[in-house]
């Protein structure tokens, strides 16, 4: 059972990126400690001797998920690069019984070449997380809190380990703390298999989900579940974003989201205070997501990316380091696709700005309304220019139901800066649909 904080609100946090360690002289890449149960000379020898069987197995799996790219087959056949060191803790997807291949097995075989393990070493410690390969040029999408060690280090040393155990140095292309995403560029030549995208707007509650990543540093881990809820919005404390004191910098008064006190899970000692929080739209899943899964893939039954794993619910442990309790969250793939493309092109991403101070409609005395209450439409802001008035209650934004201020903030940030949004408001007991040309969050 989830424990609530003193305001009766469940606590959510980013899965910790790793335990605190003193800064080593070189990044801890090939020397990662993993229980002998999972790795060892026998396991390494077995991988070298069975290059044909996995290839046949992948072909069988491909029939279940609708085909597999030639680049993926090439990776299975000979992805080892002589110029890169290999770590023995990588577990490739080997199908032992090709006559009985489940959907989950097929998905794992198809997507595993596109999921990587990320190791980060900073001045104050280190951690690890996961990521997905975006294209053949070696761009990788992950979480901002993974590559910056929860905002503690913007110049950490980063390495990426692929499914074959090849380890590459990587550099940050761009970060987006507003929705906790970052793009890396692998430095070095290799065969990189890009993930296949799905349309997250087509998901249904109850759809199969498969999470892939490196929880607790265990690369190649696969867990399954379902889509538990859609269009969920959560607020997570983040030391990677500046404290805006409830305002947006371009207008002086922006979207003021619910003051939820969600606890930020930390994987290492952090000196920065968590002075701000972010509201993010998420897919909820009961697939096990644990520390180290951050930035990894949430996949559908065809092996396509439906989300980037980002946060888990806390069971109320004193150190905020609890594992999966069946309540995990992923950033929707449609948002991830837009943001990652902008980060690659511009090194930053844009987000919408409504230009209004908002609160929960239900928090008003005597109110039975559900939605985001417009406390003040800032003069000259997007809301005011579109005709949204003080006292309006926003109940839908771009077709998504709005139940409180946190929902509205998350959905506004999902939209690109300068884009047009359709907003439905309750005004004097009647609904009105208003087209809004959003501003851009600075």
Protein backbone atom coordinates (compact mmCIF):
# COMPACT_ATOMS: atom_id res chain seq x y z
CA UNK A 1 0.00 0.00 0.00
CA UNK A 2 1.32 3.41 -0.92
CA UNK A 3 1.97 5.65 2.06
CA UNK A 4 0.82 9.24 1.78
CA UNK A 5 2.64 12.33 2.92
CA UNK A 6 1.30 14.76 5.48
CA UNK A 7 -1.06 16.22 2.86
CA UNK A 8 -2.51 12.80 2.03
CA UNK A 9 -0.88 12.74 -1.41
CA UNK A 10 0.98 9.70 -2.83
CA UNK A 11 4.67 10.28 -3.42
CA UNK A 12 6.30 9.90 -6.86
CA UNK A 13 9.94 10.16 -7.75
CA UNK A 14 12.45 9.53 -10.49
CA UNK A 15 14.03 6.08 -10.08
CA UNK A 16 17.50 6.73 -8.58
CA UNK A 17 20.29 6.58 -11.10
CA UNK A 18 22.71 4.71 -8.87
CA UNK A 19 24.37 4.59 -5.50
CA UNK A 20 26.80 7.23 -4.34
CA UNK A 21 30.38 6.44 -5.14
CA UNK A 22 33.58 8.43 -4.80
CA UNK A 23 34.78 9.78 -8.14
CA UNK A 24 37.13 7.25 -9.73
CA UNK A 25 40.14 8.17 -11.82
CA UNK A 26 38.46 6.64 -14.87
CA UNK A 27 34.82 5.85 -15.56
CA UNK A 28 33.73 2.51 -14.07
CA UNK A 29 32.92 0.86 -17.36
CA UNK A 30 34.24 -2.66 -17.81
CA UNK A 31 34.72 -3.14 -14.07
CA UNK A 32 31.04 -2.89 -13.08
CA UNK A 33 30.23 -5.23 -10.22
CA UNK A 34 27.40 -7.66 -10.96
CA UNK A 35 26.39 -10.74 -8.96
CA UNK A 36 28.08 -13.88 -10.24
CA UNK A 37 24.63 -15.44 -10.66
CA UNK A 38 24.15 -13.29 -13.73
CA UNK A 39 27.57 -13.25 -15.33
CA UNK A 40 30.72 -15.27 -15.45
CA UNK A 41 33.21 -16.92 -17.75
CA UNK A 42 30.69 -19.60 -18.69
CA UNK A 43 28.12 -17.04 -19.72
CA UNK A 44 30.64 -15.14 -21.82
CA UNK A 45 31.88 -18.31 -23.47
CA UNK A 46 28.31 -19.34 -24.27
CA UNK A 47 27.65 -16.08 -26.12
CA UNK A 48 30.73 -16.59 -28.29
CA UNK A 49 29.74 -20.13 -29.22
CA UNK A 50 26.11 -19.48 -30.12
CA UNK A 51 26.06 -16.88 -32.88
CA UNK A 52 23.84 -18.89 -35.24
CA UNK A 53 21.07 -19.92 -32.83
CA UNK A 54 20.17 -16.38 -31.73
CA UNK A 55 20.01 -15.30 -35.37
CA UNK A 56 17.55 -18.06 -36.19
CA UNK A 57 15.58 -17.22 -33.07
CA UNK A 58 15.35 -13.56 -34.00
CA UNK A 59 13.99 -14.56 -37.40
CA UNK A 60 11.26 -16.59 -35.68
CA UNK A 61 10.51 -13.71 -33.34
CA UNK A 62 10.29 -11.30 -36.25
CA UNK A 63 7.36 -13.23 -37.66
CA UNK A 64 5.40 -12.48 -34.50
CA UNK A 65 6.11 -8.75 -34.35
CA UNK A 66 5.85 -7.98 -38.04
CA UNK A 67 9.45 -8.03 -39.21
CA UNK A 68 12.85 -6.88 -38.05
CA UNK A 69 15.18 -4.43 -39.72
CA UNK A 70 18.23 -5.69 -41.56
CA UNK A 71 20.40 -3.51 -39.37
CA UNK A 72 19.12 -5.42 -36.35
CA UNK A 73 20.13 -8.72 -37.90
CA UNK A 74 23.55 -7.31 -38.66
CA UNK A 75 23.94 -6.32 -35.04
CA UNK A 76 23.11 -9.83 -33.87
CA UNK A 77 25.52 -11.36 -36.38
CA UNK A 78 28.57 -9.27 -35.67
CA UNK A 79 28.10 -6.16 -33.60
CA UNK A 80 31.40 -6.40 -31.68
CA UNK A 81 33.78 -3.58 -32.51
CA UNK A 82 37.48 -4.15 -32.05
CA UNK A 83 38.01 -0.54 -30.99
CA UNK A 84 35.60 -0.73 -28.07
CA UNK A 85 35.86 -2.65 -24.82
CA UNK A 86 33.11 -5.09 -23.89
CA UNK A 87 31.49 -5.75 -20.53
CA UNK A 88 30.50 -9.28 -19.54
CA UNK A 89 27.34 -8.21 -17.70
CA UNK A 90 25.32 -7.70 -20.90
CA UNK A 91 22.73 -10.40 -21.45
CA UNK A 92 21.65 -10.67 -25.09
CA UNK A 93 18.24 -12.07 -25.93
CA UNK A 94 18.79 -15.75 -26.78
CA UNK A 95 15.73 -17.81 -27.74
CA UNK A 96 16.27 -21.40 -26.69
CA UNK A 97 12.96 -22.85 -27.92
CA UNK A 98 12.15 -21.48 -31.37
CA UNK A 99 8.93 -23.52 -31.56
CA UNK A 100 7.27 -21.66 -28.70
CA UNK A 101 8.06 -17.96 -28.92
CA UNK A 102 5.74 -15.66 -26.99
CA UNK A 103 4.89 -12.11 -27.95
CA UNK A 104 7.05 -10.80 -25.12
CA UNK A 105 10.01 -12.88 -26.27
CA UNK A 106 9.56 -11.62 -29.82
CA UNK A 107 9.39 -8.01 -28.66
CA UNK A 108 12.52 -8.42 -26.54
CA UNK A 109 14.44 -9.95 -29.44
CA UNK A 110 13.39 -7.18 -31.81
CA UNK A 111 13.97 -4.20 -29.49
CA UNK A 112 17.04 -5.27 -27.51
CA UNK A 113 19.57 -3.94 -30.08
CA UNK A 114 17.95 -0.50 -29.66
CA UNK A 115 18.14 -0.33 -25.85
CA UNK A 116 21.38 0.72 -24.15
CA UNK A 117 22.82 1.07 -20.66
CA UNK A 118 24.19 4.48 -19.68
CA UNK A 119 26.92 4.98 -17.06
CA UNK A 120 27.55 8.44 -15.65
CA UNK A 121 30.48 9.53 -13.49
CA UNK A 122 30.65 12.97 -11.91
CA UNK A 123 32.77 14.80 -9.39
CA UNK A 124 30.60 13.73 -6.48
CA UNK A 125 29.69 10.20 -7.53
CA UNK A 126 28.16 8.15 -10.29
CA UNK A 127 25.07 6.36 -11.42
CA UNK A 128 23.51 4.45 -14.28
CA UNK A 129 20.37 4.43 -16.34
CA UNK A 130 19.01 3.33 -19.69
CA UNK A 131 18.38 4.81 -23.11
CA UNK A 132 17.05 4.08 -26.60
CA UNK A 133 18.86 4.49 -29.91
CA UNK A 134 17.16 7.04 -32.17
CA UNK A 135 18.98 6.60 -35.46
CA UNK A 136 21.90 4.94 -37.21
CA UNK A 137 24.11 7.94 -36.45
CA UNK A 138 24.19 6.96 -32.78
CA UNK A 139 21.89 9.48 -31.14
CA UNK A 140 20.40 8.17 -27.88
CA UNK A 141 17.34 9.38 -25.97
CA UNK A 142 17.28 9.14 -22.17
CA UNK A 143 16.24 11.15 -19.09
CA UNK A 144 17.82 14.44 -18.10
CA UNK A 145 18.13 13.25 -14.51
CA UNK A 146 20.22 10.30 -15.69
CA UNK A 147 22.86 12.28 -17.58
CA UNK A 148 23.07 15.11 -15.02
CA UNK A 149 22.93 12.88 -11.92
CA UNK A 150 19.66 14.46 -10.81
CA UNK A 151 20.91 17.92 -11.75
CA UNK A 152 24.08 17.67 -9.67
CA UNK A 153 26.61 17.60 -12.54
CA UNK A 154 26.25 19.01 -16.05
CA UNK A 155 29.76 17.90 -17.09
CA UNK A 156 29.80 14.27 -16.06
CA UNK A 157 31.65 11.59 -18.00
CA UNK A 158 29.17 9.41 -19.89
CA UNK A 159 29.51 6.02 -21.54
CA UNK A 160 26.96 3.98 -23.46
CA UNK A 161 26.94 0.20 -23.56
CA UNK A 162 24.97 -1.51 -26.32
CA UNK A 163 23.29 -4.90 -26.42
CA UNK A 164 26.48 -6.60 -27.63
CA UNK A 165 28.56 -5.25 -24.77
CA UNK A 166 30.37 -2.58 -26.79
CA UNK A 167 31.16 0.49 -24.70
CA UNK A 168 31.37 3.94 -26.27
CA UNK A 169 32.03 7.40 -24.87
CA UNK A 170 29.09 9.75 -25.34
CA UNK A 171 28.44 13.47 -25.16
CA UNK A 172 25.31 15.47 -24.37
CA UNK A 173 23.63 16.98 -27.45
CA UNK A 174 20.86 18.73 -25.55
CA UNK A 175 18.81 18.51 -22.37
CA UNK A 176 15.22 19.41 -21.53
CA UNK A 177 14.62 19.53 -17.76
CA UNK A 178 11.01 20.66 -18.30
CA UNK A 179 9.99 17.13 -19.30
CA UNK A 180 13.14 15.36 -18.07
CA UNK A 181 14.60 14.31 -21.41
CA UNK A 182 18.08 14.42 -22.90
CA UNK A 183 19.77 13.32 -26.11
CA UNK A 184 23.29 11.87 -26.24
CA UNK A 185 25.59 11.28 -29.22
CA UNK A 186 27.70 8.14 -29.23
CA UNK A 187 31.27 8.97 -30.12
CA UNK A 188 32.72 6.25 -32.30
CA UNK A 189 31.70 4.01 -35.16
CA UNK A 190 29.33 1.12 -34.72
CA UNK A 191 26.19 -0.57 -35.98
CA UNK A 192 23.32 1.26 -34.30
CA UNK A 193 19.77 -0.04 -34.60
CA UNK A 194 17.15 2.67 -34.14
CA UNK A 195 14.01 2.03 -32.12
CA UNK A 196 10.70 1.90 -33.97
CA UNK A 197 8.17 4.52 -32.87
CA UNK A 198 4.52 3.91 -32.03
CA UNK A 199 1.74 6.51 -31.86
CA UNK A 200 1.05 6.89 -28.13
CA UNK A 201 -2.29 8.58 -28.85
CA UNK A 202 -3.58 5.20 -30.13
CA UNK A 203 -3.01 3.37 -26.83
CA UNK A 204 -5.82 1.80 -24.85
CA UNK A 205 -5.95 1.01 -21.16
CA UNK A 206 -5.19 -2.71 -20.85
CA UNK A 207 -2.75 -2.84 -23.79
CA UNK A 208 0.33 -5.00 -23.26
CA UNK A 209 3.47 -3.15 -22.15
CA UNK A 210 7.08 -4.40 -22.08
CA UNK A 211 9.73 -2.42 -20.20
CA UNK A 212 13.38 -2.84 -21.20
CA UNK A 213 16.44 -1.37 -19.55
CA UNK A 214 19.04 -1.89 -16.87
CA UNK A 215 17.39 -1.85 -13.43
CA UNK A 216 20.01 -2.04 -10.67
CA UNK A 217 22.62 -2.18 -13.45
CA UNK A 218 21.25 -5.48 -14.83
CA UNK A 219 21.39 -4.76 -18.56
CA UNK A 220 18.87 -6.37 -20.87
CA UNK A 221 16.17 -6.82 -18.24
CA UNK A 222 12.65 -7.33 -19.58
CA UNK A 223 9.45 -6.90 -17.54
CA UNK A 224 5.82 -6.93 -18.63
CA UNK A 225 2.52 -5.42 -17.66
CA UNK A 226 -0.33 -3.41 -19.12
CA UNK A 227 -1.25 0.21 -19.69
CA UNK A 228 -2.82 0.98 -16.31
CA UNK A 229 -3.93 4.53 -17.12
CA UNK A 230 -3.54 7.15 -19.83
CA UNK A 231 -3.18 10.94 -19.70
CA UNK A 232 -2.00 10.79 -16.11
CA UNK A 233 -0.16 13.88 -14.83
CA UNK A 234 2.33 13.78 -11.98
CA UNK A 235 4.46 16.41 -10.33
CA UNK A 236 8.03 15.49 -9.45
CA UNK A 237 10.57 17.49 -7.47
CA UNK A 238 13.58 18.31 -9.62
CA UNK A 239 16.86 20.02 -8.83
CA UNK A 240 17.61 20.28 -12.56
CA UNK A 241 15.17 23.14 -13.16
CA UNK A 242 15.43 26.62 -11.63
CA UNK A 243 12.92 27.74 -9.04
CA UNK A 244 10.51 29.99 -10.93
CA UNK A 245 8.48 30.74 -7.79
CA UNK A 246 5.28 29.86 -9.58
CA UNK A 247 5.90 32.08 -12.59
CA UNK A 248 7.16 31.79 -16.12
CA UNK A 249 10.07 34.03 -17.01
CA UNK A 250 8.66 35.59 -20.19
CA UNK A 251 5.45 36.95 -18.63
CA UNK A 252 6.17 37.18 -14.92
CA UNK A 253 3.13 35.08 -14.10
CA UNK A 254 2.55 31.74 -15.64
CA UNK A 255 0.90 28.42 -14.97
CA UNK A 256 0.89 27.77 -11.26
CA UNK A 257 0.50 24.06 -10.71
CA UNK A 258 -0.74 22.14 -7.73
CA UNK A 259 1.60 22.26 -4.71
CA UNK A 260 2.02 18.46 -4.57
CA UNK A 261 4.93 17.37 -2.39
CA UNK A 262 6.13 14.37 -4.35
CA UNK A 263 9.41 12.99 -3.09
CA UNK A 264 12.36 12.93 -5.52
CA UNK A 265 14.20 9.61 -5.33
CA UNK A 266 17.95 10.12 -5.11
CA UNK A 267 20.53 7.55 -6.02
CA UNK A 268 23.47 9.43 -4.61
CA UNK A 269 24.37 12.22 -2.23
CA UNK A 270 23.23 15.49 -3.75
CA UNK A 271 24.20 18.92 -2.58
CA UNK A 272 21.64 20.87 -4.58
CA UNK A 273 18.25 21.56 -2.98
CA UNK A 274 15.10 20.46 -4.74
CA UNK A 275 13.70 23.95 -5.06
CA UNK A 276 11.40 23.33 -8.00
CA UNK A 277 9.16 20.70 -9.51
CA UNK A 278 7.96 19.72 -12.95
CA UNK A 279 4.52 18.61 -14.08
CA UNK A 280 4.78 15.87 -16.70
CA UNK A 281 2.21 13.87 -18.69
CA UNK A 282 2.71 10.14 -18.32
CA UNK A 283 1.48 6.69 -19.23
CA UNK A 284 0.95 4.60 -16.09
CA UNK A 285 1.96 0.94 -16.22
CA UNK A 286 2.29 -1.95 -13.80
CA UNK A 287 5.32 -3.35 -15.63
CA UNK A 288 8.12 -3.42 -13.06
CA UNK A 289 10.21 -0.24 -13.30
CA UNK A 290 13.10 0.09 -10.87
CA UNK A 291 16.14 2.32 -10.28
CA UNK A 292 18.21 2.08 -13.47
CA UNK A 293 15.19 1.75 -15.78
CA UNK A 294 15.10 5.52 -16.20
CA UNK A 295 15.41 6.51 -19.84
CA UNK A 296 14.70 2.98 -21.04
CA UNK A 297 11.98 1.76 -23.37
CA UNK A 298 8.33 1.04 -22.74
CA UNK A 299 7.19 -1.02 -25.72
CA UNK A 300 3.96 -2.27 -27.23
CA UNK A 301 3.14 -5.77 -28.45
CA UNK A 302 4.85 -5.06 -31.79
CA UNK A 303 8.13 -3.97 -30.22
CA UNK A 304 7.52 -0.29 -30.89
CA UNK A 305 8.33 2.52 -28.48
CA UNK A 306 5.28 3.86 -26.66
CA UNK A 307 7.10 5.64 -23.84
CA UNK A 308 10.34 6.53 -22.07
CA UNK A 309 10.41 5.22 -18.50
CA UNK A 310 10.77 8.16 -16.13
CA UNK A 311 9.32 7.78 -12.63
CA UNK A 312 7.92 5.37 -10.05
CA UNK A 313 5.66 5.68 -7.05
CA UNK A 314 7.30 5.56 -3.65
CA UNK A 315 6.07 3.13 -1.01
CA UNK A 316 7.05 5.71 1.60
CA UNK A 317 10.49 4.41 2.53
CA UNK A 318 12.56 6.81 4.59
CA UNK A 319 15.34 7.10 2.03
CA UNK A 320 13.10 7.26 -1.05
CA UNK A 321 14.89 4.26 -2.56
CA UNK A 322 12.04 1.76 -2.76
CA UNK A 323 11.68 -0.42 -5.83
CA UNK A 324 8.70 -1.21 -8.01
CA UNK A 325 5.29 -1.40 -6.37
CA UNK A 326 3.49 -1.81 -9.69
CA UNK A 327 2.98 1.90 -10.28
CA UNK A 328 5.41 3.16 -12.89
CA UNK A 329 5.30 6.03 -15.35
CA UNK A 330 6.62 6.70 -18.85
CA UNK A 331 6.71 9.83 -20.97
CA UNK A 332 4.48 9.25 -24.05
CA UNK A 333 6.31 8.46 -27.28
CA UNK A 334 4.65 11.30 -29.21
CA UNK A 335 6.10 13.81 -26.76
CA UNK A 336 9.47 12.03 -26.74
CA UNK A 337 9.61 12.01 -30.55
CA UNK A 338 8.99 15.76 -30.80
CA UNK A 339 11.36 16.73 -28.02
CA UNK A 340 14.20 14.47 -29.17
CA UNK A 341 13.98 15.81 -32.72
CA UNK A 342 14.16 19.39 -31.44
CA UNK A 343 17.09 18.58 -29.16
CA UNK A 344 19.03 17.08 -32.05
CA UNK A 345 18.30 20.04 -34.30
CA UNK A 346 18.43 22.94 -31.83
CA UNK A 347 20.03 21.52 -28.65
CA UNK A 348 16.86 22.61 -26.84
CA UNK A 349 13.13 21.95 -27.04
CA UNK A 350 10.15 24.28 -26.91
CA UNK A 351 7.12 24.09 -24.65
CA UNK A 352 3.82 25.87 -24.60
CA UNK A 353 2.95 28.74 -22.26
CA UNK A 354 -0.67 29.59 -21.47
CA UNK A 355 0.05 32.80 -19.60
CA UNK A 356 -2.33 32.22 -16.72
CA UNK A 357 -2.16 31.63 -13.00
CA UNK A 358 -4.20 28.53 -12.21
CA UNK A 359 -5.39 26.48 -9.25
CA UNK A 360 -7.62 23.47 -8.64
CA UNK A 361 -11.28 24.24 -9.28
CA UNK A 362 -12.18 21.80 -6.52
CA UNK A 363 -10.16 23.85 -4.00
CA UNK A 364 -12.57 26.78 -4.19
CA UNK A 365 -14.94 27.15 -1.25
CA UNK A 366 -18.19 25.37 -1.91
CA UNK A 367 -17.07 24.24 -5.36
CA UNK A 368 -18.11 20.93 -6.83
CA UNK A 369 -16.37 21.66 -10.14
CA UNK A 370 -13.51 19.62 -11.57
CA UNK A 371 -10.85 21.29 -13.68
CA UNK A 372 -8.20 24.02 -13.62
CA UNK A 373 -9.47 27.36 -12.31
CA UNK A 374 -8.11 30.48 -14.02
CA UNK A 375 -7.07 32.76 -11.18
CA UNK A 376 -5.67 35.35 -13.55
CA UNK A 377 -5.23 35.49 -17.30
CA UNK A 378 -2.07 37.55 -17.63
CA UNK A 379 -2.50 40.70 -19.69
CA UNK A 380 -0.96 40.19 -23.12
CA UNK A 381 -0.56 36.46 -22.53
CA UNK A 382 -1.85 33.68 -24.76
CA UNK A 383 -4.91 32.97 -22.61
CA UNK A 384 -6.02 36.59 -22.40
CA UNK A 385 -5.48 37.20 -26.11
CA UNK A 386 -7.64 34.17 -26.93
CA UNK A 387 -10.48 35.34 -24.72
CA UNK A 388 -9.99 33.15 -21.66
CA UNK A 389 -11.16 35.06 -18.60
CA UNK A 390 -10.49 35.07 -14.88
CA UNK A 391 -12.84 32.58 -13.25
CA UNK A 392 -13.03 30.25 -16.25
CA UNK A 393 -12.57 26.55 -15.49
CA UNK A 394 -10.53 24.61 -18.04
CA UNK A 395 -11.98 21.11 -18.47
CA UNK A 396 -10.23 19.98 -21.67
CA UNK A 397 -6.98 20.82 -23.43
CA UNK A 398 -6.35 19.44 -26.92
CA UNK A 399 -8.95 16.77 -26.26
CA UNK A 400 -7.46 15.62 -22.94
CA UNK A 401 -9.64 15.85 -19.86
CA UNK A 402 -8.34 18.33 -17.27
CA UNK A 403 -9.13 17.55 -13.63
CA UNK A 404 -6.82 19.99 -11.85
CA UNK A 405 -4.06 22.56 -12.28
CA UNK A 406 -1.37 19.90 -12.53
CA UNK A 407 -3.15 18.31 -15.51
CA UNK A 408 -3.34 21.64 -17.31
CA UNK A 409 0.31 22.51 -16.69
CA UNK A 410 1.47 19.10 -17.95
CA UNK A 411 -0.63 19.29 -21.11
CA UNK A 412 0.40 22.88 -21.90
CA UNK A 413 4.06 21.85 -21.58
CA UNK A 414 3.41 18.87 -23.87
CA UNK A 415 2.48 21.24 -26.69
CA UNK A 416 5.19 22.97 -28.68
CA UNK A 417 5.76 26.64 -28.09
CA UNK A 418 3.76 28.78 -30.52
CA UNK A 419 1.39 25.96 -31.46
CA UNK A 420 -2.39 26.26 -31.55
CA UNK A 421 -4.36 24.55 -28.81
CA UNK A 422 -8.05 23.83 -28.38
CA UNK A 423 -9.24 24.69 -24.87
CA UNK A 424 -12.70 23.90 -23.47
CA UNK A 425 -13.77 26.03 -20.50
CA UNK A 426 -16.78 26.19 -18.22
CA UNK A 427 -17.99 29.76 -17.90
CA UNK A 428 -21.15 30.62 -15.98
CA UNK A 429 -22.32 27.04 -16.19
CA UNK A 430 -21.83 26.72 -19.96
CA UNK A 431 -19.02 25.17 -21.95
CA UNK A 432 -17.11 27.15 -24.54
CA UNK A 433 -14.41 26.01 -26.96
CA UNK A 434 -11.58 28.48 -27.47
CA UNK A 435 -8.62 28.35 -29.87
CA UNK A 436 -5.41 29.54 -28.20
CA UNK A 437 -2.10 30.42 -29.85
CA UNK A 438 0.27 29.34 -27.09
CA UNK A 439 3.29 31.33 -26.06
CA UNK A 440 6.70 29.76 -25.54
CA UNK A 441 8.10 28.86 -22.14
CA UNK A 442 11.44 30.59 -21.53
